[in-house]
Amino acid sequence: MGEDIKTAQYGWPLGMPLIKKLEAGLWEVRSHVSQGIARIIFTVAEGTMVLVHGFVKKSQKIPPTELRIARQRLAALCKE
């Protein structure tokens, strides 16, 4: 996972299959782990990659709960 995050950070901007844009201000890094495919949701704030949430995805769509957590953390980051 760390290598994929580093690749995203230093190679930004990147696209599929490593990076996918989810919505305005949120992207995901896809990383293969023994439990499945880990997703790390991040934003870019003032040129810095900020990881806001991570989980192992077990279905095609991102569970609404996981996306809601990422949105809440993004909103909190924007308030600072």
C-alpha atoms as a PDB file:
ATOM      1  CA  MET A   1       0.000   0.000   0.000  1.00  0.00           C
ATOM      2  CA  GLY A   2       2.771   2.402   0.911  1.00  0.00           C
ATOM      3  CA  GLU A   3       4.425   2.008  -2.493  1.00  0.00           C
ATOM      4  CA  ASP A   4       1.139   2.796  -4.262  1.00  0.00           C
ATOM      5  CA  ILE A   5       0.612   5.891  -2.113  1.00  0.00           C
ATOM      6  CA  LYS A   6       4.191   7.006  -2.817  1.00  0.00           C
ATOM      7  CA  THR A   7       3.690   6.465  -6.558  1.00  0.00           C
ATOM      8  CA  ALA A   8       0.518   8.573  -6.424  1.00  0.00           C
ATOM      9  CA  GLN A   9       2.191  11.285  -4.373  1.00  0.00           C
ATOM     10  CA  TYR A  10       5.304  11.694  -6.491  1.00  0.00           C
ATOM     11  CA  GLY A  11       3.704  10.963  -9.860  1.00  0.00           C
ATOM     12  CA  TRP A  12       0.662  13.205  -9.393  1.00  0.00           C
ATOM     13  CA  PRO A  13      -1.493  13.595 -11.416  1.00  0.00           C
ATOM     14  CA  LEU A  14      -2.064   9.946 -12.362  1.00  0.00           C
ATOM     15  CA  GLY A  15      -5.053   8.009 -13.628  1.00  0.00           C
ATOM     16  CA  MET A  16      -6.363   4.485 -13.833  1.00  0.00           C
ATOM     17  CA  PRO A  17      -5.647   1.801 -12.808  1.00  0.00           C
ATOM     18  CA  LEU A  18      -3.904   3.244  -9.716  1.00  0.00           C
ATOM     19  CA  ILE A  19      -5.919   6.448  -9.195  1.00  0.00           C
ATOM     20  CA  LYS A  20      -9.614   7.065  -9.743  1.00  0.00           C
ATOM     21  CA  LYS A  21     -11.430  10.367  -9.252  1.00  0.00           C
ATOM     22  CA  LEU A  22     -14.491   9.852  -7.059  1.00  0.00           C
ATOM     23  CA  GLU A  23     -15.933  13.356  -7.021  1.00  0.00           C
ATOM     24  CA  ALA A  24     -14.802  16.955  -6.686  1.00  0.00           C
ATOM     25  CA  GLY A  25     -11.836  17.010  -4.324  1.00  0.00           C
ATOM     26  CA  LEU A  26     -11.698  13.251  -3.656  1.00  0.00           C
ATOM     27  CA  TRP A  27      -9.660  10.536  -5.364  1.00  0.00           C
ATOM     28  CA  GLU A  28      -8.857   6.957  -4.445  1.00  0.00           C
ATOM     29  CA  VAL A  29      -5.633   4.972  -4.591  1.00  0.00           C
ATOM     30  CA  ARG A  30      -6.241   1.294  -5.380  1.00  0.00           C
ATOM     31  CA  SER A  31      -3.856  -1.126  -3.764  1.00  0.00           C
ATOM     32  CA  HIS A  32      -3.906  -4.930  -3.852  1.00  0.00           C
ATOM     33  CA  VAL A  33      -3.562  -6.514  -0.393  1.00  0.00           C
ATOM     34  CA  SER A  34      -4.088 -10.066   0.863  1.00  0.00           C
ATOM     35  CA  GLN A  35      -7.669  -9.276   1.994  1.00  0.00           C
ATOM     36  CA  GLY A  36      -8.698  -7.858  -1.388  1.00  0.00           C
ATOM     37  CA  ILE A  37      -8.288  -4.386  -2.807  1.00  0.00           C
ATOM     38  CA  ALA A  38      -7.582  -1.610  -0.341  1.00  0.00           C
ATOM     39  CA  ARG A  39      -8.842   1.864  -1.132  1.00  0.00           C
ATOM     40  CA  ILE A  40      -7.246   4.968   0.260  1.00  0.00           C
ATOM     41  CA  ILE A  41      -9.340   8.070  -0.299  1.00  0.00           C
ATOM     42  CA  PHE A  42      -7.390  11.312  -0.458  1.00  0.00           C
ATOM     43  CA  THR A  43      -7.536  14.953  -1.403  1.00  0.00           C
ATOM     44  CA  VAL A  44      -4.887  17.421  -2.493  1.00  0.00           C
ATOM     45  CA  ALA A  45      -4.697  20.543  -0.339  1.00  0.00           C
ATOM     46  CA  GLU A  46      -2.218  23.287  -1.196  1.00  0.00           C
ATOM     47  CA  GLY A  47      -0.114  20.849  -3.211  1.00  0.00           C
ATOM     48  CA  THR A  48      -0.050  18.231  -0.440  1.00  0.00           C
ATOM     49  CA  MET A  49      -1.668  14.786  -0.638  1.00  0.00           C
ATOM     50  CA  VAL A  50      -3.886  14.304   2.437  1.00  0.00           C
ATOM     51  CA  LEU A  51      -5.179  10.793   3.154  1.00  0.00           C
ATOM     52  CA  VAL A  52      -8.694  11.085   4.592  1.00  0.00           C
ATOM     53  CA  HIS A  53      -9.903   7.458   4.788  1.00  0.00           C
ATOM     54  CA  GLY A  54      -8.917   3.899   3.993  1.00  0.00           C
ATOM     55  CA  PHE A  55     -10.722   0.548   3.844  1.00  0.00           C
ATOM     56  CA  VAL A  56     -10.756  -2.819   2.061  1.00  0.00           C
ATOM     57  CA  LYS A  57     -13.410  -2.834  -0.620  1.00  0.00           C
ATOM     58  CA  LYS A  58     -15.421  -6.032  -1.006  1.00  0.00           C
ATOM     59  CA  SER A  59     -18.023  -4.987  -3.575  1.00  0.00           C
ATOM     60  CA  GLN A  60     -18.127  -3.146  -6.903  1.00  0.00           C
ATOM     61  CA  LYS A  61     -19.421   0.130  -5.467  1.00  0.00           C
ATOM     62  CA  ILE A  62     -17.922   2.083  -2.614  1.00  0.00           C
ATOM     63  CA  PRO A  63     -20.136   1.569   0.433  1.00  0.00           C
ATOM     64  CA  PRO A  64     -22.000   4.811   1.245  1.00  0.00           C
ATOM     65  CA  THR A  65     -20.696   4.738   4.820  1.00  0.00           C
ATOM     66  CA  GLU A  66     -17.073   4.801   3.632  1.00  0.00           C
ATOM     67  CA  LEU A  67     -17.694   7.699   1.253  1.00  0.00           C
ATOM     68  CA  ARG A  68     -19.593   9.605   3.956  1.00  0.00           C
ATOM     69  CA  ILE A  69     -16.605   9.294   6.319  1.00  0.00           C
ATOM     70  CA  ALA A  70     -14.277  10.642   3.618  1.00  0.00           C
ATOM     71  CA  ARG A  71     -16.624  13.568   2.898  1.00  0.00           C
ATOM     72  CA  GLN A  72     -16.867  14.437   6.604  1.00  0.00           C
ATOM     73  CA  ARG A  73     -13.095  14.425   6.980  1.00  0.00           C
ATOM     74  CA  LEU A  74     -12.692  16.531   3.833  1.00  0.00           C
ATOM     75  CA  ALA A  75     -15.203  19.055   5.184  1.00  0.00           C
ATOM     76  CA  ALA A  76     -13.347  19.198   8.511  1.00  0.00           C
ATOM     77  CA  LEU A  77     -10.052  19.722   6.670  1.00  0.00           C
ATOM     78  CA  CYS A  78     -11.519  22.574   4.627  1.00  0.00           C
ATOM     79  CA  LYS A  79     -12.698  24.340   7.811  1.00  0.00           C
ATOM     80  CA  GLU A  80      -9.162  24.510   9.202  1.00  0.00           C
END
